[in-house]
Protein backbone atom coordinates (compact mmCIF):
# COMPACT_ATOMS: atom_id res chain seq x y z
CA MET A 1 9.08 18.02 -29.32
CA LYS A 2 10.84 15.37 -31.24
CA SER A 3 9.26 12.60 -32.02
CA ASP A 4 10.30 9.00 -31.11
CA PRO A 5 9.99 6.07 -33.13
CA PHE A 6 6.77 5.14 -31.17
CA THR A 7 4.97 8.37 -32.03
CA GLN A 8 5.91 7.98 -35.80
CA LYS A 9 4.41 4.37 -35.66
CA PHE A 10 1.45 4.58 -33.78
CA GLY A 11 1.02 8.58 -33.73
CA HIS A 12 0.58 9.24 -30.19
CA ALA A 13 2.88 10.09 -27.37
CA HIS A 14 2.07 10.44 -23.70
CA PRO A 15 -1.88 10.68 -24.40
CA TRP A 16 -2.39 11.68 -20.96
CA ILE A 17 -1.22 14.65 -21.02
CA LYS A 18 -4.22 16.32 -22.40
CA THR A 19 -6.52 14.65 -19.95
CA TYR A 20 -5.23 16.48 -16.91
CA PRO A 21 -7.07 18.57 -14.89
CA PRO A 22 -6.47 22.23 -14.83
CA GLY A 23 -3.68 23.35 -11.90
CA THR A 24 -2.03 19.52 -12.93
CA ARG A 25 1.16 19.38 -15.11
CA TRP A 26 3.02 15.64 -16.24
CA ASN A 27 6.26 17.53 -16.01
CA ALA A 28 5.65 19.61 -13.02
CA PRO A 29 9.03 20.01 -10.85
CA LEU A 30 9.33 17.17 -8.61
CA ARG A 31 10.69 17.67 -5.02
CA THR A 32 13.30 15.60 -3.79
CA LEU A 33 15.07 15.61 -0.41
CA ALA A 34 15.74 13.37 2.72
CA LEU A 35 12.68 12.22 4.30
CA PRO A 36 13.64 13.41 7.77
CA GLN A 37 13.25 16.77 6.29
CA MET A 38 9.61 16.51 5.65
CA LEU A 39 8.88 16.41 9.56
CA ASP A 40 11.28 18.60 10.38
CA GLY A 41 10.24 20.88 7.79
CA ALA A 42 6.35 20.82 9.05
CA ALA A 43 7.79 20.82 12.37
CA ALA A 44 9.25 24.18 11.73
CA ARG A 45 6.28 25.47 9.65
CA TRP A 46 3.50 24.14 11.92
CA PRO A 47 4.78 23.43 15.28
CA ALA A 48 1.77 23.87 17.58
CA ARG A 49 -0.09 21.75 15.04
CA CYS A 50 -1.40 18.18 15.86
CA ALA A 51 0.29 16.19 13.72
CA LEU A 52 -1.17 12.97 15.31
CA HIS A 53 -3.46 11.97 17.55
CA PHE A 54 -3.74 8.18 19.15
CA GLU A 55 -6.19 6.42 21.47
CA GLY A 56 -6.54 9.81 23.39
CA ARG A 57 -3.10 11.00 23.26
CA SER A 58 -2.05 14.05 20.65
CA PHE A 59 1.45 15.00 19.44
CA SER A 60 2.58 18.54 18.24
CA TYR A 61 4.61 18.58 14.91
CA ALA A 62 7.15 19.97 17.60
CA GLU A 63 6.94 17.23 19.96
CA LEU A 64 6.85 14.17 17.12
CA ALA A 65 10.26 15.67 15.47
CA ASP A 66 11.65 16.22 19.25
CA LEU A 67 10.86 12.83 19.95
CA SER A 68 12.26 11.32 16.97
CA ASP A 69 15.32 13.30 17.43
CA ARG A 70 15.88 11.50 20.85
CA MET A 71 15.24 8.53 19.63
CA ALA A 72 17.97 8.77 16.79
CA GLN A 73 20.28 9.81 19.62
CA GLY A 74 19.54 7.12 21.49
CA LEU A 75 20.29 4.35 18.28
CA LEU A 76 23.33 6.22 17.28
CA ARG A 77 24.75 5.34 21.03
CA LEU A 78 24.23 1.67 20.31
CA GLY A 79 26.23 2.05 17.24
CA ILE A 80 23.17 2.41 14.67
CA GLY A 81 24.07 4.32 12.00
CA PRO A 82 24.89 4.52 8.26
CA GLY A 83 24.95 0.54 6.65
CA SER A 84 22.22 -0.48 10.05
CA HIS A 85 19.23 -1.67 9.22
CA VAL A 86 16.49 -1.61 11.65
CA ARG A 87 13.52 -3.45 11.36
CA LEU A 88 10.09 -2.07 12.16
CA TYR A 89 7.28 -4.64 13.73
CA LEU A 90 4.76 -2.49 14.50
CA PRO A 91 1.07 -2.20 14.32
CA ASN A 92 -0.18 1.66 13.96
CA THR A 93 1.05 3.33 17.26
CA PRO A 94 3.30 6.33 17.53
CA HIS A 95 6.05 4.26 18.15
CA TYR A 96 6.16 3.34 14.57
CA ILE A 97 6.09 6.96 13.20
CA ILE A 98 8.86 7.88 15.68
CA SER A 99 11.22 5.16 14.70
CA PHE A 100 10.50 5.69 11.38
CA PHE A 101 12.17 8.94 11.22
CA ALA A 102 14.71 8.05 14.18
CA VAL A 103 16.35 5.39 12.06
CA LEU A 104 16.39 7.46 9.01
CA LYS A 105 17.45 10.41 11.30
CA ALA A 106 20.47 8.15 12.00
CA GLY A 107 21.49 7.46 8.72
CA ALA A 108 20.44 3.94 8.89
CA THR A 109 17.60 1.68 6.83
CA VAL A 110 14.01 1.24 7.69
CA VAL A 111 13.06 -2.49 7.07
CA ASN A 112 9.29 -3.14 7.20
CA TYR A 113 8.08 -6.46 8.18
CA SER A 114 4.18 -7.20 8.58
CA PRO A 115 2.86 -8.27 12.05
CA LEU A 116 1.23 -11.30 10.01
CA ASP A 117 4.24 -12.81 8.25
CA ALA A 118 5.00 -16.27 9.28
CA GLY A 119 8.15 -17.55 11.28
CA ALA A 120 9.84 -18.92 8.38
CA ALA A 121 9.33 -15.85 5.94
CA LEU A 122 10.46 -13.86 9.37
CA GLU A 123 13.30 -15.61 9.73
CA HIS A 124 14.15 -15.04 5.84
CA LYS A 125 13.68 -11.34 5.80
CA ILE A 126 16.01 -10.86 9.18
CA GLY A 127 19.15 -12.91 7.22
CA ASP A 128 18.28 -11.39 3.97
CA SER A 129 17.86 -7.79 4.88
CA GLU A 130 21.22 -8.17 7.25
CA THR A 131 18.92 -7.03 10.37
CA ASP A 132 20.87 -5.70 13.24
CA PHE A 133 17.95 -4.70 15.64
CA ILE A 134 14.24 -4.85 15.74
CA VAL A 135 11.49 -2.17 17.26
CA THR A 136 8.47 -3.72 18.47
CA LEU A 137 6.01 -3.96 21.40
CA ASP A 138 5.71 -6.31 23.95
CA SER A 139 2.53 -8.00 23.59
CA PRO A 140 2.78 -11.40 23.38
CA ALA A 141 1.66 -11.74 19.46
CA LEU A 142 4.86 -9.59 18.19
CA PHE A 143 7.40 -9.75 21.06
CA ALA A 144 7.43 -13.93 21.83
CA LYS A 145 8.00 -14.23 18.06
CA MET A 146 10.79 -11.46 17.70
CA ASN A 147 12.61 -13.08 20.85
CA GLY A 148 12.83 -16.03 19.73
CA PHE A 149 15.25 -14.94 17.03
CA LEU A 150 17.86 -13.65 19.25
CA GLY A 151 20.59 -15.92 19.57
CA THR A 152 19.07 -18.06 16.49
CA THR A 153 19.62 -15.41 13.77
CA ARG A 154 22.01 -12.01 13.47
CA LEU A 155 20.03 -10.02 15.17
CA ARG A 156 21.72 -8.16 17.92
CA GLY A 157 18.81 -6.67 19.92
CA LEU A 158 15.27 -5.89 20.50
CA ILE A 159 13.68 -2.24 21.10
CA VAL A 160 10.49 -3.00 22.84
CA GLY A 161 7.85 -0.31 23.64
CA SER A 162 4.50 -0.74 24.73
CA VAL A 163 1.06 0.66 23.49
CA ASN A 164 0.28 2.21 26.40
CA GLU A 165 3.07 4.46 26.50
CA PHE A 166 1.70 6.60 24.56
CA GLY A 167 -2.29 6.91 25.57
CA GLY A 168 -3.38 2.93 24.29
CA ALA A 169 -5.59 1.11 26.69
CA SER A 170 -3.71 -1.87 26.88
CA ALA A 171 -4.53 -4.00 29.88
CA PRO A 172 -1.87 -5.69 32.19
CA GLN A 173 -2.20 -9.10 30.67
CA ASP A 174 -1.90 -7.65 27.28
CA ALA A 175 1.90 -7.09 27.91
CA HIS A 176 4.48 -9.79 27.82
CA ALA A 177 7.03 -9.60 30.77
CA VAL A 178 10.25 -8.79 29.04
CA ALA A 179 13.62 -9.86 30.69
CA TRP A 180 15.28 -6.38 30.42
CA ASP A 181 18.96 -6.62 29.84
CA ALA A 182 21.53 -5.85 27.02
CA GLN A 183 19.68 -7.29 24.29
CA ARG A 184 16.20 -6.37 25.11
CA LEU A 185 16.20 -2.64 25.68
CA ARG A 186 13.18 -0.34 26.46
CA PHE A 187 11.84 2.20 23.84
CA ALA A 188 11.08 4.64 26.25
CA ASP A 189 14.96 4.43 27.09
CA LEU A 190 16.07 5.50 23.85
CA LEU A 191 13.68 8.73 24.20
CA LYS A 192 15.58 10.02 26.94
CA ALA A 193 18.40 10.32 25.14
CA SER A 194 19.35 14.14 23.85
CA PRO A 195 22.42 15.32 21.85
CA ALA A 196 25.65 16.15 23.72
CA ALA A 197 26.55 19.88 24.51
CA GLY A 198 27.50 21.38 21.15
CA ALA A 199 27.44 18.01 19.26
CA ALA A 200 26.64 18.65 15.38
CA ARG A 201 23.55 17.40 14.03
CA PRO A 202 23.86 14.24 11.93
CA GLN A 203 24.04 14.96 8.15
CA PRO A 204 20.80 14.45 6.01
CA PRO A 205 21.28 11.18 4.62
CA ALA A 206 22.29 11.28 0.46
CA LEU A 207 19.27 11.26 -1.92
CA GLU A 208 20.42 8.04 -3.51
CA ALA A 209 21.10 6.07 -0.04
CA VAL A 210 18.27 3.25 0.70
CA ALA A 211 15.40 4.76 2.99
CA VAL A 212 13.35 1.78 3.19
CA LEU A 213 13.92 -1.95 2.15
CA GLN A 214 10.12 -3.02 1.57
CA TYR A 215 9.54 -7.07 1.05
CA THR A 216 7.09 -7.60 -1.97
CA GLY A 217 4.68 -9.94 -1.32
CA GLY A 218 6.32 -13.06 -2.86
CA THR A 219 3.69 -15.34 -4.79
CA THR A 220 6.14 -17.47 -5.38
CA GLY A 221 9.52 -18.36 -3.65
CA HIS A 222 11.07 -15.94 -1.32
CA PRO A 223 10.02 -12.30 -1.06
CA LYS A 224 12.32 -9.50 -2.52
CA GLY A 225 13.16 -6.58 -1.03
CA ALA A 226 12.60 -3.40 -3.06
CA MET A 227 15.40 -0.76 -2.45
CA LEU A 228 13.51 2.30 -1.92
CA THR A 229 15.80 5.55 -1.97
CA HIS A 230 14.81 9.08 -0.14
CA ALA A 231 14.56 10.36 -3.70
CA ASN A 232 12.22 7.44 -4.80
CA LEU A 233 10.28 7.99 -1.75
CA SER A 234 10.17 11.93 -1.69
CA SER A 235 9.62 12.17 -5.44
CA ALA A 236 6.43 9.74 -4.66
CA VAL A 237 5.12 12.08 -2.06
CA SER A 238 5.56 15.11 -4.56
CA GLN A 239 3.64 13.07 -7.26
CA VAL A 240 0.82 13.11 -4.49
CA TRP A 241 0.95 16.70 -3.77
CA HIS A 242 0.79 17.62 -7.35
CA THR A 243 -2.15 15.56 -7.92
CA LEU A 244 -4.28 16.75 -4.62
CA VAL A 245 -2.69 20.09 -3.35
CA GLY A 246 -1.65 21.49 -6.37
CA ALA A 247 -5.15 20.22 -8.15
CA GLY A 248 -6.78 21.97 -5.50
CA THR A 249 -8.03 18.88 -4.21
CA LEU A 250 -6.75 19.32 -0.62
CA ALA A 251 -4.61 22.47 1.33
CA GLU A 252 -1.66 22.19 3.33
CA GLY A 253 -2.12 22.79 6.87
CA GLU A 254 -5.93 22.13 6.80
CA GLU A 255 -6.61 18.60 6.64
CA THR A 256 -7.50 15.38 8.73
CA PHE A 257 -6.41 12.29 7.56
CA LEU A 258 -7.61 8.92 9.40
CA SER A 259 -5.01 6.00 8.95
CA VAL A 260 -6.28 2.46 9.26
CA LEU A 261 -4.12 1.07 6.68
CA PRO A 262 -1.09 -0.26 8.31
CA LEU A 263 2.02 2.23 8.15
CA PHE A 264 4.16 -1.02 7.36
CA HIS A 265 2.47 -0.95 3.86
CA ILE A 266 3.79 1.05 1.05
CA TYR A 267 0.42 2.83 0.14
CA SER A 268 -0.56 4.03 3.52
CA LEU A 269 3.33 4.83 4.37
CA VAL A 270 3.30 6.91 1.56
CA VAL A 271 0.33 8.72 1.28
CA ASN A 272 -0.83 8.14 4.64
CA MET A 273 1.96 9.35 6.91
CA LEU A 274 4.84 10.70 4.58
CA PHE A 275 2.37 12.75 2.44
CA GLY A 276 0.29 13.46 5.02
CA LEU A 277 2.96 15.06 7.27
CA SER A 278 4.44 16.96 4.82
CA ILE A 279 1.45 19.14 4.34
CA GLY A 280 0.49 19.49 7.81
CA ALA A 281 -2.42 17.53 8.20
CA LYS A 282 -3.50 15.75 11.05
CA LEU A 283 -3.09 11.90 11.39
CA ILE A 284 -5.63 10.46 13.20
CA LEU A 285 -4.19 6.75 14.07
CA HIS A 286 -5.90 3.66 14.55
CA GLN A 287 -4.58 0.13 15.11
CA ARG A 288 -6.98 -1.65 12.98
CA PHE A 289 -10.23 -1.41 10.70
CA ASP A 290 -13.35 -1.19 12.98
CA LEU A 291 -16.48 -0.23 10.89
CA GLN A 292 -18.15 1.47 13.06
CA ALA A 293 -15.03 3.24 14.86
CA THR A 294 -14.21 4.21 11.41
CA LEU A 295 -17.69 5.99 10.64
CA ASP A 296 -17.60 7.60 14.24
CA ALA A 297 -14.30 8.91 13.78
CA ILE A 298 -14.85 10.65 10.38
CA VAL A 299 -18.01 12.09 11.79
CA ALA A 300 -16.36 13.16 15.19
CA ASN A 301 -13.27 14.52 13.77
CA LYS A 302 -14.21 15.81 10.19
CA VAL A 303 -11.91 13.85 8.83
CA SER A 304 -11.10 15.08 5.28
CA VAL A 305 -9.00 12.22 3.55
CA PHE A 306 -9.89 8.09 4.25
CA LEU A 307 -7.68 5.65 2.36
CA GLY A 308 -9.34 2.08 1.64
CA VAL A 309 -9.07 -1.08 -0.26
CA PRO A 310 -12.00 -2.61 -1.55
CA THR A 311 -12.57 -5.12 1.21
CA MET A 312 -13.35 -1.70 3.40
CA TYR A 313 -15.61 -0.08 0.92
CA VAL A 314 -17.85 -3.29 0.45
CA ALA A 315 -17.91 -3.01 4.26
CA PHE A 316 -19.08 0.45 4.12
CA THR A 317 -21.46 -0.23 1.54
CA GLY A 318 -23.20 -3.06 3.77
CA HIS A 319 -23.62 -0.52 7.20
CA PRO A 320 -27.33 -0.21 7.41
CA ASP A 321 -26.79 3.68 8.69
CA ILE A 322 -24.28 5.13 5.87
CA GLY A 323 -26.79 6.90 4.25
CA ARG A 324 -27.67 8.78 7.18
CA THR A 325 -24.32 9.07 8.69
CA ASP A 326 -22.76 12.68 7.56
CA LEU A 327 -19.74 12.28 5.61
CA SER A 328 -19.80 15.73 4.89
CA SER A 329 -16.19 16.46 5.36
CA LEU A 330 -14.45 13.97 3.31
CA LYS A 331 -12.86 15.89 0.65
CA PHE A 332 -10.88 12.71 -0.88
CA CYS A 333 -11.65 9.08 -0.67
CA ASN A 334 -9.07 6.55 -2.46
CA SER A 335 -9.34 2.69 -3.08
CA GLY A 336 -6.21 1.39 -4.27
CA GLY A 337 -3.93 -2.23 -3.59
CA ALA A 338 -6.43 -3.96 -5.66
CA PRO A 339 -8.96 -3.06 -8.57
CA ILE A 340 -12.60 -2.29 -7.14
CA ALA A 341 -15.46 -3.76 -8.49
CA ALA A 342 -17.55 -1.53 -10.32
CA GLU A 343 -20.73 -2.39 -8.27
CA VAL A 344 -18.86 -1.63 -5.07
CA PHE A 345 -17.81 1.68 -6.41
CA GLN A 346 -21.29 2.95 -7.59
CA LYS A 347 -22.86 1.62 -4.17
CA PHE A 348 -20.31 3.88 -2.11
CA VAL A 349 -20.90 6.64 -4.16
CA ARG A 350 -24.32 6.73 -4.13
CA LEU A 351 -24.96 5.93 -0.22
CA ALA A 352 -22.20 8.07 0.86
CA GLN A 353 -22.40 11.00 -1.29
CA CYS A 354 -18.50 11.27 -1.44
CA ARG A 355 -16.41 11.06 -5.02
CA LEU A 356 -14.62 7.86 -4.56
CA GLN A 357 -10.90 7.98 -6.39
CA GLU A 358 -8.68 5.22 -7.70
CA GLY A 359 -5.28 4.63 -8.10
CA TRP A 360 -2.78 1.97 -8.92
CA GLY A 361 1.11 1.16 -8.44
CA MET A 362 3.17 -1.41 -6.54
CA THR A 363 5.73 -1.47 -3.71
CA GLU A 364 8.69 -1.16 -6.46
CA SER A 365 7.09 2.47 -7.49
CA CYS A 366 6.70 3.33 -4.32
CA THR A 367 2.93 2.73 -4.63
CA MET A 368 2.74 5.64 -7.56
CA ALA A 369 1.96 4.97 -11.13
CA THR A 370 -1.52 6.24 -12.17
CA ALA A 371 -4.37 8.15 -10.03
CA SER A 372 -8.17 9.25 -11.29
CA PRO A 373 -7.88 13.36 -12.51
CA GLY A 374 -10.62 13.58 -10.48
CA VAL A 375 -12.75 15.91 -12.67
CA GLY A 376 -14.85 14.43 -15.35
CA ALA A 377 -17.43 11.47 -15.31
CA HIS A 378 -16.23 8.52 -13.54
CA ARG A 379 -14.28 6.44 -16.19
CA ALA A 380 -15.55 2.89 -14.72
CA GLY A 381 -12.99 -0.11 -14.62
CA SER A 382 -10.18 2.48 -14.86
CA CYS A 383 -7.44 3.42 -12.46
CA GLY A 384 -6.73 6.62 -14.02
CA ILE A 385 -3.94 8.46 -15.85
CA PRO A 386 -0.36 8.43 -14.84
CA VAL A 387 0.74 11.09 -12.68
CA PRO A 388 3.21 13.62 -12.70
CA GLY A 389 6.73 12.31 -13.87
CA VAL A 390 5.47 8.78 -14.78
CA GLU A 391 5.34 6.95 -18.06
CA VAL A 392 3.29 4.00 -19.00
CA LYS A 393 3.60 1.86 -21.84
CA VAL A 394 1.68 -1.05 -22.70
CA ILE A 395 3.96 -4.33 -24.10
CA SER A 396 3.06 -7.59 -25.98
CA LEU A 397 3.40 -10.44 -24.19
CA ASP A 398 5.56 -12.80 -26.47
CA GLN A 399 7.62 -10.37 -28.23
CA GLN A 400 7.72 -7.56 -25.31
CA VAL A 401 7.43 -4.77 -27.81
CA GLU A 402 5.38 -1.80 -27.66
CA VAL A 403 1.74 -2.13 -28.89
CA PRO A 404 -0.87 0.35 -30.44
CA LEU A 405 -3.37 2.50 -27.69
CA GLY A 406 -6.61 -0.14 -26.58
CA THR A 407 -4.40 -3.05 -27.23
CA HIS A 408 -4.31 -5.64 -24.21
CA GLY A 409 -0.31 -6.25 -22.80
CA GLU A 410 1.71 -5.94 -19.81
CA LEU A 411 1.99 -2.71 -17.93
CA CYS A 412 5.30 -1.20 -17.72
CA ILE A 413 6.07 2.37 -15.78
CA ARG A 414 9.10 4.57 -15.79
CA GLY A 415 9.48 7.52 -13.61
CA PRO A 416 11.49 8.93 -10.73
CA ASN A 417 9.79 6.93 -8.25
CA VAL A 418 10.76 3.49 -9.36
CA MET A 419 13.17 1.69 -7.11
CA LYS A 420 16.59 1.37 -7.05
CA GLY A 421 16.43 -2.69 -7.48
CA TYR A 422 16.24 -5.83 -5.24
CA TRP A 423 18.03 -6.37 -2.30
CA ASN A 424 21.24 -8.64 -3.01
CA ASN A 425 19.20 -9.85 -6.03
CA PRO A 426 20.24 -8.50 -9.41
CA GLU A 427 19.14 -11.31 -11.57
CA ALA A 428 15.71 -10.31 -10.40
CA THR A 429 16.37 -6.81 -10.57
CA ARG A 430 17.53 -7.62 -14.61
CA GLU A 431 14.11 -9.78 -15.17
CA ALA A 432 12.26 -6.45 -13.55
CA MET A 433 13.36 -3.99 -15.72
CA THR A 434 13.21 -3.45 -19.53
CA ALA A 435 16.53 -2.49 -22.06
CA ASP A 436 14.71 1.27 -21.72
CA GLY A 437 14.54 1.01 -18.16
CA TYR A 438 10.92 0.68 -17.60
CA LEU A 439 9.61 -1.55 -14.78
CA ARG A 440 7.48 -4.88 -16.10
CA THR A 441 4.76 -4.29 -13.42
CA GLY A 442 3.00 -7.93 -14.42
CA ASP A 443 -0.17 -6.91 -14.75
CA ILE A 444 -2.24 -7.05 -17.71
CA GLY A 445 -4.11 -4.18 -19.22
CA TYR A 446 -4.35 -1.33 -22.12
CA MET A 447 -4.63 2.56 -22.38
CA THR A 448 -6.98 4.56 -24.15
CA GLU A 449 -6.54 7.19 -26.33
CA GLU A 450 -7.35 9.83 -23.63
CA GLY A 451 -4.41 8.15 -21.28
CA PHE A 452 -6.63 6.24 -18.99
CA VAL A 453 -5.17 2.86 -17.70
CA TYR A 454 -7.39 -0.27 -17.64
CA ILE A 455 -6.24 -3.48 -15.82
CA VAL A 456 -7.60 -6.91 -17.23
CA ASP A 457 -5.78 -8.87 -14.34
CA ARG A 458 -2.00 -10.18 -13.34
CA THR A 459 -0.22 -12.22 -15.70
CA LYS A 460 0.04 -14.78 -13.58
CA ASP A 461 -3.42 -14.97 -12.66
CA MET A 462 -4.58 -14.85 -16.30
CA ILE A 463 -6.49 -18.26 -16.72
CA ILE A 464 -5.96 -20.11 -20.34
CA CYS A 465 -8.99 -22.07 -20.59
CA GLY A 466 -9.38 -24.26 -23.48
CA GLY A 467 -7.18 -22.10 -25.49
CA PHE A 468 -8.75 -19.10 -24.47
CA ASN A 469 -7.15 -16.28 -22.30
CA VAL A 470 -9.74 -15.89 -19.33
CA TYR A 471 -9.31 -12.83 -16.98
CA PRO A 472 -10.32 -13.54 -13.27
CA ARG A 473 -11.41 -9.99 -12.47
CA ASN A 474 -14.16 -9.51 -15.25
CA ILE A 475 -15.65 -13.01 -13.94
CA GLU A 476 -15.37 -11.16 -10.11
CA GLU A 477 -16.91 -8.10 -11.76
CA ALA A 478 -19.98 -10.08 -13.14
CA ILE A 479 -20.70 -12.12 -9.89
CA TYR A 480 -20.24 -8.60 -7.37
CA ARG A 481 -23.74 -7.84 -9.62
CA HIS A 482 -25.41 -10.99 -7.95
CA PRO A 483 -27.36 -9.42 -4.75
CA ALA A 484 -26.58 -12.32 -2.22
CA VAL A 485 -22.53 -11.54 -2.94
CA GLU A 486 -20.68 -9.88 -0.31
CA GLU A 487 -16.80 -10.70 -1.42
CA VAL A 488 -15.40 -13.12 -4.28
CA ILE A 489 -12.23 -14.29 -5.51
CA VAL A 490 -11.82 -16.32 -8.51
CA ILE A 491 -8.74 -18.59 -9.61
CA GLY A 492 -7.65 -20.98 -12.46
CA VAL A 493 -7.56 -24.45 -10.94
CA PRO A 494 -6.43 -27.73 -13.11
CA ASP A 495 -8.60 -29.13 -15.28
CA ALA A 496 -7.56 -32.18 -17.00
CA TYR A 497 -9.78 -31.30 -20.23
CA ARG A 498 -9.16 -27.21 -20.59
CA GLY A 499 -5.70 -27.19 -19.00
CA GLN A 500 -7.73 -24.60 -16.55
CA SER A 501 -10.88 -23.73 -15.14
CA PRO A 502 -12.63 -20.70 -13.27
CA LYS A 503 -13.51 -21.45 -9.72
CA ALA A 504 -14.90 -19.04 -7.53
CA PHE A 505 -14.89 -18.59 -3.88
CA VAL A 506 -17.87 -16.45 -2.73
CA LYS A 507 -18.65 -14.92 0.93
CA LEU A 508 -22.37 -14.16 0.76
CA LYS A 509 -24.07 -11.61 2.61
CA GLU A 510 -25.36 -12.00 6.13
CA GLY A 511 -28.72 -13.57 6.23
CA SER A 512 -28.29 -14.57 2.35
CA ALA A 513 -29.61 -18.00 1.50
CA PRO A 514 -26.89 -20.72 0.10
CA LEU A 515 -25.86 -19.92 -3.25
CA THR A 516 -25.68 -23.27 -5.86
CA LEU A 517 -23.02 -23.04 -8.89
CA GLU A 518 -26.00 -23.59 -11.09
CA GLN A 519 -27.87 -20.84 -10.06
CA LEU A 520 -24.88 -18.62 -10.31
CA ARG A 521 -24.24 -19.31 -13.60
CA GLY A 522 -27.67 -18.62 -14.46
CA PHE A 523 -27.19 -15.29 -13.16
CA LEU A 524 -23.97 -14.78 -14.99
CA GLY A 525 -25.44 -15.79 -18.48
CA GLU A 526 -26.05 -11.98 -19.22
CA TYR A 527 -22.12 -11.04 -18.25
CA LEU A 528 -19.95 -13.51 -19.55
CA GLY A 529 -19.13 -15.96 -22.27
CA LYS A 530 -19.43 -19.92 -22.25
CA HIS A 531 -15.64 -19.87 -21.86
CA GLU A 532 -15.35 -17.43 -18.84
CA MET A 533 -18.36 -19.00 -16.70
CA PRO A 534 -17.27 -20.42 -13.03
CA HIS A 535 -17.10 -24.45 -13.05
CA ALA A 536 -16.68 -24.72 -9.46
CA LEU A 537 -17.74 -23.03 -6.47
CA GLU A 538 -17.02 -22.57 -2.82
CA LEU A 539 -18.85 -20.72 -0.43
CA ARG A 540 -16.88 -19.53 2.55
CA ALA A 541 -17.47 -17.73 5.83
CA GLU A 542 -14.28 -15.41 5.28
CA LEU A 543 -12.25 -15.14 2.39
CA PRO A 544 -8.28 -14.83 3.15
CA LYS A 545 -6.63 -11.15 3.35
CA THR A 546 -3.29 -9.51 3.26
CA ALA A 547 -2.24 -7.65 6.13
CA VAL A 548 -3.64 -4.33 4.25
CA GLY A 549 -6.88 -6.31 4.14
CA LYS A 550 -6.89 -6.70 0.12
CA LEU A 551 -8.54 -10.28 -0.73
CA SER A 552 -5.55 -12.43 -1.44
CA LYS A 553 -5.51 -15.18 -3.68
CA LYS A 554 -2.25 -16.82 -2.36
CA ASP A 555 -3.65 -19.15 0.23
CA LEU A 556 -6.04 -20.40 -2.27
CA TYR A 557 -3.73 -21.41 -5.04
CA THR A 558 -1.48 -23.35 -2.25
CA GLN A 559 -4.77 -24.97 -1.19
CA GLU A 560 -6.05 -26.15 -4.75
CA LEU A 561 -2.56 -27.02 -5.82
CA GLY A 562 -2.30 -29.32 -2.69
CA ALA A 563 -5.94 -30.78 -3.64
CA ALA A 564 -4.83 -31.30 -7.05
């Protein structure tokens, strides 16, 4: 292979290739296809196998594919087709999976919204995404909010389901009284539709068509809609396949996934739903994370795959019976969404006797960038090596030029899973990309000579304290070592003398004695330098979290800036 200028200068190219486990190749061919073909292909291969289990009700692959076909016909009769945007405002219920594939089979685009979005954010997304219809449920928390946007925004209508349509034990008082009319349509009625005799099935969407508009969190300003095409998302699924099935960790037609992460989040959408269904897995769907219910489901169903975020593994390690719970069925556990503290990682592995792997990515890369190779010694603090087809480079924060291995800088990624761009925002798209087509992630990190990637922090979270670069994650890792600490967030707050100073927000373990700043600083003496020491401590009963359960700094920044 002809060497490029960077290789000539620094002596390496794609150093991660030599670290791949047997059976995995970086240049493995990635399968791209229209997303509905994933479900239909699985239904043809495993028609009778259970695809989905939800609160006592099971759906075979053939049944799930048929329900999505029927709903697609119902959508087409409403005038929904190519160019239409249908928003899914749903928790983890069968409605989500059926609607997702139905919208795509109709040739339209899915717009994912979080049920935790505030009213102003929802109104912005409706207008910005040019949403025509919203699929939601009749629960007051969902329907009432959406119903208020009819007549005040561009919305044409709501498609409203009920949890107890598919086995959920929804009590009558949990349902909102819906005044059914031309703008408020029953989800169940769309499932009654079927193709007219002799009618041709809709053509599969083009690979470059936008399948999903996935809005980023938006730490500042309005959230942006990442345009994820069928090719982007199917490439990401193929990357997971090569990482797990190709490497022999999982097998097609044999796995059972427990899905507690919300499907509207890109991590769960790609790995739990799309990848899970593509390999004929059984998906056990929970509406939310409940520690005891999760452990009970793993044991009762012999779950082999569980995806979580760091806070869930913190909860696992705090369960009094975790060491006596039979988790032997687990083949693959993954922590994503945010770096997991080394102390939490080690406790989970020791107590659960299950290897825990990590990955890193973002909405704009369909959640995929790096993953633990799954073999060899655990690399504490590393989020793994680039997945097949993805290139990672590190650029300097000032001049934005590539830097040698081991040097800190901004991580950038390139691959077939990287978004088409931001919806209706070419300026933001240009700012997010380098001249040679890499996506700038905003994460600060470095790569080792073996290709392992380490994330130090976010560029926007880095604290400049008295002229020193201070990384909150380093401080958080040290604080997690304290035996009384359950969760911690560290942010930079204004400081008249130093410019910024670290402040720690801590949730203590139940029954722990109050912790003072002086006590904490004394404990941290052997782990942190003086310039890294927190200058303030605030104990809280709960720390803010995102919809997927990640600890969230956004609200804390807002509160501290307001106080300042």
